[in-house]
């Protein structure tokens, strides 16, 4: 029987974050919002869903993942452009942790 994604503790969305404050907290220390590691329920990763609710920390993290340094772009104009695009799109998931 498939487990619903929104099922507490064991659903795949239990380790997916889309709120800016949650994303920032998870980037700083996963234990801020997660009481266990994803592997304890068979998942391999933690996801940050980039949405219109995402904050600057998640966008900056994604830019670093793609190889950009903060001096390569203007964080304020990038974030403003990101919000415009995010309002049009549903979501974009990025992995922040893998075993």
C-alpha atoms as a PDB file:
ATOM      1  CA  UNK A   1       0.000   0.000   0.000  1.00  0.00           C
ATOM      2  CA  UNK A   2       1.565   3.338  -1.003  1.00  0.00           C
ATOM      3  CA  UNK A   3       2.308   5.852   1.745  1.00  0.00           C
ATOM      4  CA  UNK A   4       0.734   9.281   1.095  1.00  0.00           C
ATOM      5  CA  UNK A   5       3.352  12.037   0.628  1.00  0.00           C
ATOM      6  CA  UNK A   6       1.714  14.170   3.335  1.00  0.00           C
ATOM      7  CA  UNK A   7       1.696  11.380   5.958  1.00  0.00           C
ATOM      8  CA  UNK A   8       3.334  12.598   9.168  1.00  0.00           C
ATOM      9  CA  UNK A   9       6.801  11.223   9.979  1.00  0.00           C
ATOM     10  CA  UNK A  10       6.962   8.673   7.142  1.00  0.00           C
ATOM     11  CA  UNK A  11       5.638  10.586   4.120  1.00  0.00           C
ATOM     12  CA  UNK A  12       8.118  11.901   1.563  1.00  0.00           C
ATOM     13  CA  UNK A  13       7.063  15.484   2.327  1.00  0.00           C
ATOM     14  CA  UNK A  14       8.166  15.073   5.956  1.00  0.00           C
ATOM     15  CA  UNK A  15      11.660  16.098   4.811  1.00  0.00           C
ATOM     16  CA  UNK A  16      10.647  18.704   2.224  1.00  0.00           C
ATOM     17  CA  UNK A  17      10.611  22.363   3.238  1.00  0.00           C
ATOM     18  CA  UNK A  18       9.110  25.293   1.346  1.00  0.00           C
ATOM     19  CA  UNK A  19       8.683  28.009   3.975  1.00  0.00           C
ATOM     20  CA  UNK A  20      11.541  30.508   4.075  1.00  0.00           C
ATOM     21  CA  UNK A  21      12.018  30.367   7.844  1.00  0.00           C
ATOM     22  CA  UNK A  22      12.086  26.557   7.796  1.00  0.00           C
ATOM     23  CA  UNK A  23      14.516  26.481   4.895  1.00  0.00           C
ATOM     24  CA  UNK A  24      16.882  28.891   6.634  1.00  0.00           C
ATOM     25  CA  UNK A  25      16.703  26.862   9.849  1.00  0.00           C
ATOM     26  CA  UNK A  26      17.326  23.572   8.042  1.00  0.00           C
ATOM     27  CA  UNK A  27      20.269  25.038   6.144  1.00  0.00           C
ATOM     28  CA  UNK A  28      21.807  26.211   9.411  1.00  0.00           C
ATOM     29  CA  UNK A  29      21.080  23.010  11.327  1.00  0.00           C
ATOM     30  CA  UNK A  30      18.688  20.253  10.236  1.00  0.00           C
ATOM     31  CA  UNK A  31      17.846  19.491  13.866  1.00  0.00           C
ATOM     32  CA  UNK A  32      16.016  22.833  14.074  1.00  0.00           C
ATOM     33  CA  UNK A  33      13.029  21.318  12.245  1.00  0.00           C
ATOM     34  CA  UNK A  34      13.803  17.614  11.954  1.00  0.00           C
ATOM     35  CA  UNK A  35      13.904  15.284  14.938  1.00  0.00           C
ATOM     36  CA  UNK A  36      15.367  12.399  12.949  1.00  0.00           C
ATOM     37  CA  UNK A  37      17.349  11.802   9.772  1.00  0.00           C
ATOM     38  CA  UNK A  38      15.625  10.860   6.506  1.00  0.00           C
ATOM     39  CA  UNK A  39      17.417   7.499   6.365  1.00  0.00           C
ATOM     40  CA  UNK A  40      15.577   6.362   9.486  1.00  0.00           C
ATOM     41  CA  UNK A  41      12.426   6.037   7.341  1.00  0.00           C
ATOM     42  CA  UNK A  42      14.141   5.001   4.120  1.00  0.00           C
ATOM     43  CA  UNK A  43      14.485   8.387   2.436  1.00  0.00           C
ATOM     44  CA  UNK A  44      17.822   9.480   1.011  1.00  0.00           C
ATOM     45  CA  UNK A  45      17.589  13.260   1.048  1.00  0.00           C
ATOM     46  CA  UNK A  46      16.152  16.476   2.420  1.00  0.00           C
ATOM     47  CA  UNK A  47      14.482  18.747  -0.140  1.00  0.00           C
ATOM     48  CA  UNK A  48      14.052  22.488  -0.278  1.00  0.00           C
ATOM     49  CA  UNK A  49      11.133  23.393  -2.513  1.00  0.00           C
ATOM     50  CA  UNK A  50      11.823  26.763  -4.093  1.00  0.00           C
ATOM     51  CA  UNK A  51       8.458  28.511  -4.114  1.00  0.00           C
ATOM     52  CA  UNK A  52       7.195  32.060  -3.706  1.00  0.00           C
ATOM     53  CA  UNK A  53       7.377  31.408   0.061  1.00  0.00           C
ATOM     54  CA  UNK A  54      11.105  30.661  -0.080  1.00  0.00           C
ATOM     55  CA  UNK A  55      13.530  33.109   1.436  1.00  0.00           C
ATOM     56  CA  UNK A  56      16.834  34.568   0.373  1.00  0.00           C
ATOM     57  CA  UNK A  57      18.810  31.843   2.198  1.00  0.00           C
ATOM     58  CA  UNK A  58      17.375  29.076  -0.004  1.00  0.00           C
ATOM     59  CA  UNK A  59      17.966  31.060  -3.191  1.00  0.00           C
ATOM     60  CA  UNK A  60      21.535  31.840  -2.113  1.00  0.00           C
ATOM     61  CA  UNK A  61      22.098  28.160  -1.285  1.00  0.00           C
ATOM     62  CA  UNK A  62      20.883  27.144  -4.749  1.00  0.00           C
ATOM     63  CA  UNK A  63      23.161  29.684  -6.404  1.00  0.00           C
ATOM     64  CA  UNK A  64      26.109  28.254  -4.463  1.00  0.00           C
ATOM     65  CA  UNK A  65      25.114  24.735  -5.555  1.00  0.00           C
ATOM     66  CA  UNK A  66      25.261  25.904  -9.160  1.00  0.00           C
ATOM     67  CA  UNK A  67      28.767  27.296  -8.592  1.00  0.00           C
ATOM     68  CA  UNK A  68      28.054  31.010  -8.233  1.00  0.00           C
ATOM     69  CA  UNK A  69      29.694  33.203  -5.607  1.00  0.00           C
ATOM     70  CA  UNK A  70      27.742  36.004  -3.928  1.00  0.00           C
ATOM     71  CA  UNK A  71      29.887  38.638  -5.694  1.00  0.00           C
ATOM     72  CA  UNK A  72      28.803  37.199  -9.077  1.00  0.00           C
ATOM     73  CA  UNK A  73      25.271  38.565  -8.781  1.00  0.00           C
ATOM     74  CA  UNK A  74      23.167  41.169  -7.009  1.00  0.00           C
ATOM     75  CA  UNK A  75      21.237  39.235  -4.330  1.00  0.00           C
ATOM     76  CA  UNK A  76      18.443  41.826  -4.127  1.00  0.00           C
ATOM     77  CA  UNK A  77      17.666  41.958  -7.844  1.00  0.00           C
ATOM     78  CA  UNK A  78      18.075  38.180  -8.134  1.00  0.00           C
ATOM     79  CA  UNK A  79      15.605  37.589  -5.312  1.00  0.00           C
ATOM     80  CA  UNK A  80      13.107  40.055  -6.827  1.00  0.00           C
ATOM     81  CA  UNK A  81      13.348  38.272 -10.189  1.00  0.00           C
ATOM     82  CA  UNK A  82      13.055  34.900  -8.440  1.00  0.00           C
ATOM     83  CA  UNK A  83       9.824  35.955  -6.700  1.00  0.00           C
ATOM     84  CA  UNK A  84       8.293  37.057 -10.002  1.00  0.00           C
ATOM     85  CA  UNK A  85       9.132  33.703 -11.562  1.00  0.00           C
ATOM     86  CA  UNK A  86       8.087  31.713  -8.481  1.00  0.00           C
ATOM     87  CA  UNK A  87       4.645  33.323  -8.574  1.00  0.00           C
ATOM     88  CA  UNK A  88       4.177  31.841 -12.051  1.00  0.00           C
ATOM     89  CA  UNK A  89       5.577  28.369 -11.313  1.00  0.00           C
ATOM     90  CA  UNK A  90       4.389  25.743  -8.836  1.00  0.00           C
ATOM     91  CA  UNK A  91       7.725  24.677  -7.303  1.00  0.00           C
ATOM     92  CA  UNK A  92      11.275  23.584  -7.963  1.00  0.00           C
ATOM     93  CA  UNK A  93      12.896  21.086  -5.581  1.00  0.00           C
ATOM     94  CA  UNK A  94      16.555  21.047  -4.660  1.00  0.00           C
ATOM     95  CA  UNK A  95      18.355  18.467  -2.595  1.00  0.00           C
ATOM     96  CA  UNK A  96      20.322  19.830   0.349  1.00  0.00           C
ATOM     97  CA  UNK A  97      21.599  16.599   1.863  1.00  0.00           C
ATOM     98  CA  UNK A  98      22.565  13.188   0.636  1.00  0.00           C
ATOM     99  CA  UNK A  99      24.245  10.312   2.479  1.00  0.00           C
END
